[in-house]
N, C-alpha and C. Protein backbone atom coordinates (compact mmCIF):
# COMPACT_ATOMS: atom_id res chain seq x y z
N UNK A 1 8.72 11.44 3.89
CA UNK A 1 9.31 12.09 2.75
C UNK A 1 10.77 11.64 2.67
N UNK A 2 11.26 11.32 1.49
CA UNK A 2 12.63 10.88 1.33
C UNK A 2 13.57 12.06 1.32
N UNK A 3 14.78 11.80 1.81
CA UNK A 3 15.79 12.84 1.82
C UNK A 3 16.59 12.78 0.54
N UNK A 4 17.23 13.89 0.14
CA UNK A 4 18.03 13.85 -1.06
C UNK A 4 19.18 12.86 -0.90
N UNK A 5 19.55 12.22 -1.97
CA UNK A 5 20.59 11.22 -1.93
C UNK A 5 21.96 11.86 -1.75
N UNK A 6 22.74 11.35 -0.80
CA UNK A 6 24.10 11.78 -0.57
C UNK A 6 24.98 10.55 -0.65
N UNK A 7 26.23 10.73 -1.04
CA UNK A 7 27.13 9.60 -1.10
C UNK A 7 27.69 9.32 0.27
N UNK A 8 27.81 8.04 0.62
CA UNK A 8 28.33 7.61 1.91
C UNK A 8 29.54 6.73 1.65
N UNK A 9 30.63 6.99 2.41
CA UNK A 9 31.84 6.18 2.27
C UNK A 9 31.74 5.02 3.25
N UNK A 10 31.92 3.81 2.73
CA UNK A 10 31.84 2.61 3.56
C UNK A 10 33.12 1.81 3.38
N UNK A 11 33.62 1.27 4.48
CA UNK A 11 34.82 0.41 4.44
C UNK A 11 34.39 -1.02 4.18
N UNK A 12 35.13 -1.70 3.34
CA UNK A 12 34.80 -3.08 2.97
C UNK A 12 35.96 -4.01 3.29
N UNK A 13 35.63 -5.25 3.62
CA UNK A 13 36.63 -6.28 3.85
C UNK A 13 37.30 -6.61 2.51
N UNK A 14 38.65 -6.68 2.48
CA UNK A 14 39.32 -6.99 1.22
C UNK A 14 39.08 -8.43 0.76
N UNK A 15 38.72 -9.33 1.68
CA UNK A 15 38.51 -10.74 1.33
C UNK A 15 37.11 -11.01 0.79
N UNK A 16 36.07 -10.61 1.54
CA UNK A 16 34.70 -10.97 1.14
C UNK A 16 33.88 -9.77 0.68
N UNK A 17 34.33 -8.55 0.97
CA UNK A 17 33.64 -7.36 0.49
C UNK A 17 32.52 -6.86 1.37
N UNK A 18 32.31 -7.47 2.53
CA UNK A 18 31.24 -7.03 3.42
C UNK A 18 31.64 -5.73 4.12
N UNK A 19 30.68 -4.92 4.49
CA UNK A 19 30.95 -3.66 5.16
C UNK A 19 31.44 -3.93 6.58
N UNK A 20 32.51 -3.22 6.98
CA UNK A 20 33.06 -3.37 8.33
C UNK A 20 33.12 -2.00 9.01
N UNK A 21 33.17 -2.02 10.34
CA UNK A 21 33.27 -0.77 11.09
C UNK A 21 34.64 -0.13 10.87
N UNK A 22 34.72 1.16 11.15
CA UNK A 22 35.98 1.88 10.97
C UNK A 22 37.06 1.38 11.91
N UNK A 23 36.70 0.95 13.12
CA UNK A 23 37.70 0.53 14.10
C UNK A 23 37.89 -0.98 14.15
N UNK A 24 37.36 -1.73 13.18
CA UNK A 24 37.43 -3.19 13.19
C UNK A 24 38.84 -3.67 12.88
N UNK A 25 39.24 -4.79 13.55
CA UNK A 25 40.54 -5.41 13.27
C UNK A 25 40.37 -6.73 12.54
N UNK A 26 39.11 -7.18 12.41
CA UNK A 26 38.83 -8.38 11.65
C UNK A 26 37.44 -8.28 11.06
N UNK A 27 37.23 -9.07 10.03
CA UNK A 27 35.92 -9.08 9.37
C UNK A 27 34.96 -9.92 10.21
N UNK A 28 33.76 -9.42 10.40
CA UNK A 28 32.78 -10.12 11.20
C UNK A 28 32.17 -11.31 10.45
N UNK A 29 32.34 -11.36 9.13
CA UNK A 29 31.74 -12.43 8.36
C UNK A 29 32.73 -13.55 8.05
N UNK A 30 33.90 -13.20 7.48
CA UNK A 30 34.86 -14.23 7.08
C UNK A 30 36.02 -14.35 8.06
N UNK A 31 36.07 -13.51 9.08
CA UNK A 31 37.08 -13.51 10.14
C UNK A 31 38.48 -13.22 9.64
N UNK A 32 38.61 -12.57 8.49
CA UNK A 32 39.93 -12.16 8.00
C UNK A 32 40.46 -11.08 8.93
N UNK A 33 41.74 -11.27 9.37
CA UNK A 33 42.34 -10.30 10.27
C UNK A 33 43.10 -9.27 9.44
N UNK A 34 43.06 -8.02 9.90
CA UNK A 34 43.83 -6.96 9.29
C UNK A 34 44.24 -5.99 10.38
N UNK A 35 45.37 -5.35 10.17
CA UNK A 35 45.90 -4.41 11.16
C UNK A 35 45.00 -3.18 11.22
N UNK A 36 44.92 -2.53 12.40
CA UNK A 36 44.06 -1.34 12.51
C UNK A 36 44.44 -0.22 11.55
N UNK A 37 45.73 -0.16 11.16
CA UNK A 37 46.15 0.91 10.25
C UNK A 37 46.10 0.48 8.79
N UNK A 38 45.55 -0.70 8.50
CA UNK A 38 45.47 -1.20 7.13
C UNK A 38 44.46 -0.35 6.34
N UNK A 39 44.86 -0.02 5.13
CA UNK A 39 43.94 0.71 4.24
C UNK A 39 42.96 -0.30 3.65
N UNK A 40 41.71 -0.19 4.05
CA UNK A 40 40.67 -1.06 3.51
C UNK A 40 40.04 -0.40 2.30
N UNK A 41 39.53 -1.19 1.37
CA UNK A 41 38.88 -0.59 0.20
C UNK A 41 37.68 0.26 0.65
N UNK A 42 37.58 1.42 0.05
CA UNK A 42 36.46 2.32 0.33
C UNK A 42 35.51 2.27 -0.86
N UNK A 43 34.24 2.24 -0.57
CA UNK A 43 33.23 2.19 -1.62
C UNK A 43 32.28 3.35 -1.40
N UNK A 44 32.06 4.12 -2.46
CA UNK A 44 31.08 5.20 -2.39
C UNK A 44 29.73 4.65 -2.79
N UNK A 45 28.77 4.81 -1.90
CA UNK A 45 27.42 4.34 -2.18
C UNK A 45 26.44 5.47 -1.91
N UNK A 46 25.35 5.51 -2.66
CA UNK A 46 24.33 6.51 -2.34
C UNK A 46 23.69 6.17 -1.00
N UNK A 47 23.36 7.20 -0.25
CA UNK A 47 22.69 6.99 1.03
C UNK A 47 21.31 6.41 0.81
N UNK A 48 20.91 5.52 1.68
CA UNK A 48 19.59 4.90 1.56
C UNK A 48 18.52 5.92 1.94
N UNK A 49 17.41 5.94 1.21
CA UNK A 49 16.33 6.85 1.58
C UNK A 49 15.75 6.45 2.93
N UNK A 50 15.13 7.41 3.60
CA UNK A 50 14.55 7.13 4.91
C UNK A 50 13.34 6.22 4.80
N UNK A 51 12.58 6.33 3.73
CA UNK A 51 11.40 5.49 3.53
C UNK A 51 11.72 4.41 2.52
N UNK A 52 11.20 3.20 2.70
CA UNK A 52 11.43 2.16 1.72
C UNK A 52 10.75 2.50 0.40
N UNK A 53 11.38 2.06 -0.69
CA UNK A 53 10.84 2.36 -2.02
C UNK A 53 9.56 1.58 -2.30
N UNK A 54 9.45 0.39 -1.78
CA UNK A 54 8.27 -0.42 -2.04
C UNK A 54 7.61 -0.86 -0.75
N UNK A 55 6.58 -1.66 -0.87
CA UNK A 55 5.90 -2.15 0.31
C UNK A 55 4.85 -1.18 0.82
N UNK A 56 4.27 -1.52 1.93
CA UNK A 56 3.23 -0.70 2.52
C UNK A 56 3.68 -0.20 3.87
N UNK A 57 3.16 0.93 4.26
CA UNK A 57 3.50 1.47 5.56
C UNK A 57 2.78 0.69 6.65
N UNK A 58 3.26 0.82 7.86
CA UNK A 58 2.66 0.13 8.98
C UNK A 58 1.21 0.57 9.19
N UNK A 59 0.95 1.86 9.01
CA UNK A 59 -0.42 2.35 9.20
C UNK A 59 -1.37 1.75 8.18
N UNK A 60 -0.92 1.57 6.94
CA UNK A 60 -1.77 0.95 5.92
C UNK A 60 -2.06 -0.51 6.27
N UNK A 61 -1.05 -1.21 6.74
CA UNK A 61 -1.26 -2.61 7.11
C UNK A 61 -2.18 -2.73 8.32
N UNK A 62 -2.02 -1.84 9.29
CA UNK A 62 -2.90 -1.87 10.46
C UNK A 62 -4.34 -1.54 10.07
N UNK A 63 -4.51 -0.60 9.14
CA UNK A 63 -5.85 -0.28 8.68
C UNK A 63 -6.47 -1.49 7.98
N UNK A 64 -5.68 -2.20 7.20
CA UNK A 64 -6.17 -3.38 6.50
C UNK A 64 -6.58 -4.46 7.50
N UNK A 65 -5.75 -4.70 8.52
CA UNK A 65 -6.07 -5.71 9.54
C UNK A 65 -7.34 -5.32 10.29
N UNK A 66 -7.49 -4.04 10.63
CA UNK A 66 -8.69 -3.57 11.32
C UNK A 66 -9.93 -3.79 10.46
N UNK A 67 -9.83 -3.47 9.17
CA UNK A 67 -10.96 -3.70 8.27
C UNK A 67 -11.33 -5.17 8.19
N UNK A 68 -10.33 -6.03 8.12
CA UNK A 68 -10.59 -7.47 8.06
C UNK A 68 -11.31 -7.93 9.33
N UNK A 69 -10.85 -7.44 10.49
CA UNK A 69 -11.50 -7.82 11.76
C UNK A 69 -12.95 -7.35 11.82
N UNK A 70 -13.20 -6.11 11.39
CA UNK A 70 -14.57 -5.59 11.39
C UNK A 70 -15.44 -6.40 10.44
N UNK A 71 -14.92 -6.71 9.27
CA UNK A 71 -15.69 -7.47 8.28
C UNK A 71 -16.00 -8.87 8.79
N UNK A 72 -15.01 -9.52 9.40
CA UNK A 72 -15.26 -10.86 9.95
C UNK A 72 -16.29 -10.81 11.07
N UNK A 73 -16.23 -9.75 11.89
CA UNK A 73 -17.23 -9.59 12.94
C UNK A 73 -18.63 -9.41 12.38
N UNK A 74 -18.75 -8.60 11.32
CA UNK A 74 -20.06 -8.39 10.69
C UNK A 74 -20.54 -9.68 10.03
N UNK A 75 -19.62 -10.46 9.45
CA UNK A 75 -20.01 -11.71 8.80
C UNK A 75 -20.57 -12.73 9.78
N UNK A 76 -20.13 -12.68 11.04
CA UNK A 76 -20.68 -13.61 12.02
C UNK A 76 -22.12 -13.26 12.38
N UNK A 77 -22.46 -11.96 12.22
CA UNK A 77 -23.82 -11.52 12.54
C UNK A 77 -24.73 -11.61 11.32
N UNK A 78 -24.28 -11.06 10.19
CA UNK A 78 -25.07 -11.04 8.96
C UNK A 78 -24.14 -11.29 7.78
N UNK A 79 -24.12 -12.54 7.32
CA UNK A 79 -23.17 -12.94 6.29
C UNK A 79 -23.29 -12.12 5.01
N UNK A 80 -24.49 -11.87 4.53
CA UNK A 80 -24.68 -11.12 3.29
C UNK A 80 -24.17 -9.69 3.40
N UNK A 81 -24.49 -9.04 4.51
CA UNK A 81 -24.00 -7.68 4.75
C UNK A 81 -22.48 -7.67 4.86
N UNK A 82 -21.92 -8.73 5.43
CA UNK A 82 -20.46 -8.83 5.56
C UNK A 82 -19.78 -8.88 4.21
N UNK A 83 -20.36 -9.61 3.25
CA UNK A 83 -19.77 -9.68 1.91
C UNK A 83 -19.83 -8.33 1.21
N UNK A 84 -20.94 -7.63 1.34
CA UNK A 84 -21.06 -6.29 0.74
C UNK A 84 -20.05 -5.35 1.38
N UNK A 85 -19.97 -5.39 2.70
CA UNK A 85 -19.01 -4.55 3.41
C UNK A 85 -17.58 -4.88 3.00
N UNK A 86 -17.28 -6.16 2.85
CA UNK A 86 -15.94 -6.58 2.43
C UNK A 86 -15.61 -6.02 1.05
N UNK A 87 -16.55 -6.10 0.15
CA UNK A 87 -16.33 -5.60 -1.21
C UNK A 87 -16.05 -4.10 -1.20
N UNK A 88 -16.90 -3.35 -0.50
CA UNK A 88 -16.75 -1.89 -0.44
C UNK A 88 -15.46 -1.51 0.28
N UNK A 89 -15.19 -2.16 1.42
CA UNK A 89 -14.01 -1.81 2.21
C UNK A 89 -12.73 -2.14 1.48
N UNK A 90 -12.67 -3.27 0.78
CA UNK A 90 -11.45 -3.63 0.07
C UNK A 90 -11.16 -2.64 -1.05
N UNK A 91 -12.17 -2.28 -1.82
CA UNK A 91 -11.97 -1.31 -2.90
C UNK A 91 -11.56 0.04 -2.33
N UNK A 92 -12.20 0.47 -1.25
CA UNK A 92 -11.86 1.76 -0.64
C UNK A 92 -10.45 1.74 -0.07
N UNK A 93 -10.07 0.65 0.58
CA UNK A 93 -8.71 0.54 1.13
C UNK A 93 -7.68 0.56 0.02
N UNK A 94 -7.93 -0.19 -1.05
CA UNK A 94 -6.99 -0.24 -2.16
C UNK A 94 -6.85 1.13 -2.82
N UNK A 95 -7.97 1.82 -3.02
CA UNK A 95 -7.93 3.16 -3.61
C UNK A 95 -7.18 4.14 -2.71
N UNK A 96 -7.35 4.01 -1.39
CA UNK A 96 -6.66 4.87 -0.44
C UNK A 96 -5.15 4.63 -0.49
N UNK A 97 -4.74 3.38 -0.52
CA UNK A 97 -3.31 3.05 -0.57
C UNK A 97 -2.68 3.60 -1.85
N UNK A 98 -3.37 3.45 -2.96
CA UNK A 98 -2.84 3.97 -4.23
C UNK A 98 -2.74 5.49 -4.18
N UNK A 99 -3.74 6.16 -3.65
CA UNK A 99 -3.70 7.63 -3.56
C UNK A 99 -2.58 8.10 -2.64
N UNK A 100 -2.36 7.41 -1.53
CA UNK A 100 -1.28 7.79 -0.61
C UNK A 100 0.07 7.58 -1.27
N UNK A 101 0.23 6.47 -1.99
CA UNK A 101 1.50 6.21 -2.68
C UNK A 101 1.76 7.27 -3.76
N UNK A 102 0.72 7.67 -4.49
CA UNK A 102 0.90 8.71 -5.51
C UNK A 102 1.34 10.01 -4.87
N UNK A 103 0.71 10.37 -3.76
CA UNK A 103 1.09 11.62 -3.08
C UNK A 103 2.51 11.52 -2.53
N UNK A 104 2.87 10.36 -1.99
CA UNK A 104 4.21 10.20 -1.45
C UNK A 104 5.25 10.25 -2.55
N UNK A 105 4.95 9.68 -3.72
CA UNK A 105 5.91 9.73 -4.83
C UNK A 105 6.05 11.14 -5.39
N UNK A 106 5.03 11.97 -5.20
CA UNK A 106 5.09 13.37 -5.62
C UNK A 106 5.68 14.25 -4.50
N UNK A 107 6.20 13.60 -3.45
CA UNK A 107 6.83 14.28 -2.32
C UNK A 107 5.87 15.20 -1.59
N UNK A 108 4.61 14.79 -1.50
CA UNK A 108 3.63 15.53 -0.71
C UNK A 108 3.47 14.81 0.62
N UNK A 109 3.44 15.57 1.69
CA UNK A 109 3.30 14.97 3.01
C UNK A 109 1.86 14.49 3.19
N UNK A 110 1.71 13.25 3.68
CA UNK A 110 0.39 12.67 3.91
C UNK A 110 0.27 12.37 5.40
N UNK A 111 -0.61 13.07 6.07
CA UNK A 111 -0.80 12.86 7.51
C UNK A 111 -1.84 11.76 7.74
N UNK A 112 -1.98 11.37 8.98
CA UNK A 112 -2.98 10.36 9.33
C UNK A 112 -4.38 10.84 9.03
N UNK A 113 -4.63 12.12 9.29
CA UNK A 113 -5.95 12.69 8.98
C UNK A 113 -6.23 12.64 7.49
N UNK A 114 -5.21 12.92 6.68
CA UNK A 114 -5.37 12.83 5.23
C UNK A 114 -5.74 11.42 4.80
N UNK A 115 -5.10 10.43 5.43
CA UNK A 115 -5.39 9.04 5.08
C UNK A 115 -6.84 8.67 5.43
N UNK A 116 -7.28 9.11 6.60
CA UNK A 116 -8.66 8.82 7.02
C UNK A 116 -9.66 9.48 6.06
N UNK A 117 -9.40 10.76 5.72
CA UNK A 117 -10.29 11.45 4.77
C UNK A 117 -10.29 10.79 3.41
N UNK A 118 -9.11 10.37 2.95
CA UNK A 118 -9.04 9.66 1.67
C UNK A 118 -9.84 8.36 1.72
N UNK A 119 -9.76 7.65 2.85
CA UNK A 119 -10.51 6.40 2.97
C UNK A 119 -12.01 6.65 2.92
N UNK A 120 -12.48 7.66 3.66
CA UNK A 120 -13.92 7.93 3.65
C UNK A 120 -14.39 8.43 2.29
N UNK A 121 -13.56 9.21 1.61
CA UNK A 121 -13.91 9.61 0.24
C UNK A 121 -13.97 8.39 -0.67
N UNK A 122 -13.04 7.45 -0.47
CA UNK A 122 -13.03 6.24 -1.27
C UNK A 122 -14.27 5.40 -1.01
N UNK A 123 -14.70 5.33 0.26
CA UNK A 123 -15.93 4.60 0.59
C UNK A 123 -17.12 5.26 -0.11
N UNK A 124 -17.20 6.59 -0.02
CA UNK A 124 -18.31 7.31 -0.66
C UNK A 124 -18.31 7.10 -2.17
N UNK A 125 -17.13 7.17 -2.77
CA UNK A 125 -17.02 6.96 -4.22
C UNK A 125 -17.45 5.54 -4.59
N UNK A 126 -17.00 4.55 -3.83
CA UNK A 126 -17.35 3.16 -4.11
C UNK A 126 -18.85 2.92 -3.96
N UNK A 127 -19.45 3.46 -2.90
CA UNK A 127 -20.90 3.30 -2.69
C UNK A 127 -21.67 4.00 -3.81
N UNK A 128 -21.21 5.18 -4.23
CA UNK A 128 -21.88 5.89 -5.33
C UNK A 128 -21.81 5.09 -6.63
N UNK A 129 -20.66 4.52 -6.92
CA UNK A 129 -20.51 3.72 -8.14
C UNK A 129 -21.40 2.49 -8.08
N UNK A 130 -21.43 1.82 -6.94
CA UNK A 130 -22.30 0.64 -6.79
C UNK A 130 -23.76 1.04 -6.94
N UNK A 131 -24.14 2.19 -6.35
CA UNK A 131 -25.51 2.70 -6.50
C UNK A 131 -25.86 2.96 -7.95
N UNK A 132 -24.95 3.58 -8.69
CA UNK A 132 -25.19 3.84 -10.11
C UNK A 132 -25.32 2.55 -10.91
N UNK A 133 -24.52 1.56 -10.57
CA UNK A 133 -24.61 0.27 -11.26
C UNK A 133 -25.96 -0.39 -10.97
N UNK A 134 -26.42 -0.30 -9.73
CA UNK A 134 -27.72 -0.88 -9.38
C UNK A 134 -28.84 -0.17 -10.12
N UNK A 135 -28.80 1.17 -10.17
CA UNK A 135 -29.82 1.93 -10.91
C UNK A 135 -29.80 1.55 -12.39
N UNK A 136 -28.60 1.42 -12.96
CA UNK A 136 -28.49 1.03 -14.37
C UNK A 136 -29.06 -0.37 -14.60
N UNK A 137 -28.82 -1.30 -13.68
CA UNK A 137 -29.35 -2.66 -13.82
C UNK A 137 -30.87 -2.67 -13.73
N UNK A 138 -31.42 -1.92 -12.78
CA UNK A 138 -32.88 -1.86 -12.64
C UNK A 138 -33.50 -1.21 -13.87
N UNK A 139 -32.90 -0.14 -14.38
CA UNK A 139 -33.43 0.52 -15.59
C UNK A 139 -33.36 -0.43 -16.79
N UNK A 140 -32.27 -1.17 -16.91
CA UNK A 140 -32.14 -2.12 -18.02
C UNK A 140 -33.19 -3.22 -17.90
N UNK A 141 -33.40 -3.72 -16.70
CA UNK A 141 -34.42 -4.75 -16.49
C UNK A 141 -35.82 -4.21 -16.82
N UNK A 142 -36.12 -2.99 -16.39
CA UNK A 142 -37.42 -2.38 -16.67
C UNK A 142 -37.62 -2.23 -18.17
N UNK A 143 -36.61 -1.72 -18.88
CA UNK A 143 -36.72 -1.53 -20.33
C UNK A 143 -36.87 -2.87 -21.04
N UNK A 144 -36.12 -3.89 -20.59
CA UNK A 144 -36.21 -5.21 -21.22
C UNK A 144 -37.61 -5.81 -20.99
N UNK A 145 -38.14 -5.67 -19.79
CA UNK A 145 -39.49 -6.18 -19.51
C UNK A 145 -40.54 -5.43 -20.32
N UNK A 146 -40.41 -4.11 -20.40
CA UNK A 146 -41.35 -3.29 -21.16
C UNK A 146 -41.31 -3.68 -22.63
N UNK A 147 -40.11 -3.93 -23.16
CA UNK A 147 -39.99 -4.32 -24.57
C UNK A 147 -40.60 -5.70 -24.81
N UNK A 148 -40.42 -6.63 -23.88
CA UNK A 148 -40.99 -7.97 -24.05
C UNK A 148 -42.51 -7.92 -23.94
N UNK A 149 -43.03 -7.07 -23.05
CA UNK A 149 -44.49 -6.94 -22.93
C UNK A 149 -45.05 -6.34 -24.22
N UNK A 150 -44.36 -5.31 -24.77
CA UNK A 150 -44.80 -4.69 -26.02
C UNK A 150 -44.73 -5.65 -27.18
N UNK A 151 -43.70 -6.51 -27.21
CA UNK A 151 -43.56 -7.46 -28.32
C UNK A 151 -44.58 -8.59 -28.23
N UNK A 152 -45.06 -8.87 -27.04
CA UNK A 152 -46.03 -9.97 -26.89
C UNK A 152 -47.44 -9.55 -27.27
N UNK A 153 -47.66 -8.24 -27.40
CA UNK A 153 -48.99 -7.75 -27.76
C UNK A 153 -49.92 -7.63 -26.57
N UNK A 154 -49.46 -7.83 -25.38
CA UNK A 154 -50.28 -7.72 -24.18
C UNK A 154 -50.42 -6.25 -23.80
N UNK A 155 -51.66 -5.74 -23.76
CA UNK A 155 -51.91 -4.34 -23.41
C UNK A 155 -52.88 -4.24 -22.31
């Protein structure tokens, strides 16, 4: 969860503008020397949030790597099953990441258990959608065959 933004005072080098420590006598970047009692320019900046604004968390990346390893292992045993598993796992992982990001942007705490439950719900949702698509394809094929048999006059 991000913390509220606070302003932070930072000292800057008068020559290059890089941030320097309070007790510095020279700039670490351009080596400009200044006396310890020299008034350096102060810049007010908002404090950086604790969590990065973009990117993925380490746990999401580790989950992705684990899924890839499992899928590659299954592909060595049964290639066709590996492709199906890859399809389902990728969609479920992507849906989980999006759901976690939405919750995080709404400032809701997401625990590891929540992520695992979201992933399994995503897997169930993906399998259900694929099942419905298969049922729809079989029904369409049956209706098309029945219509062609009826149109041919074969009874």
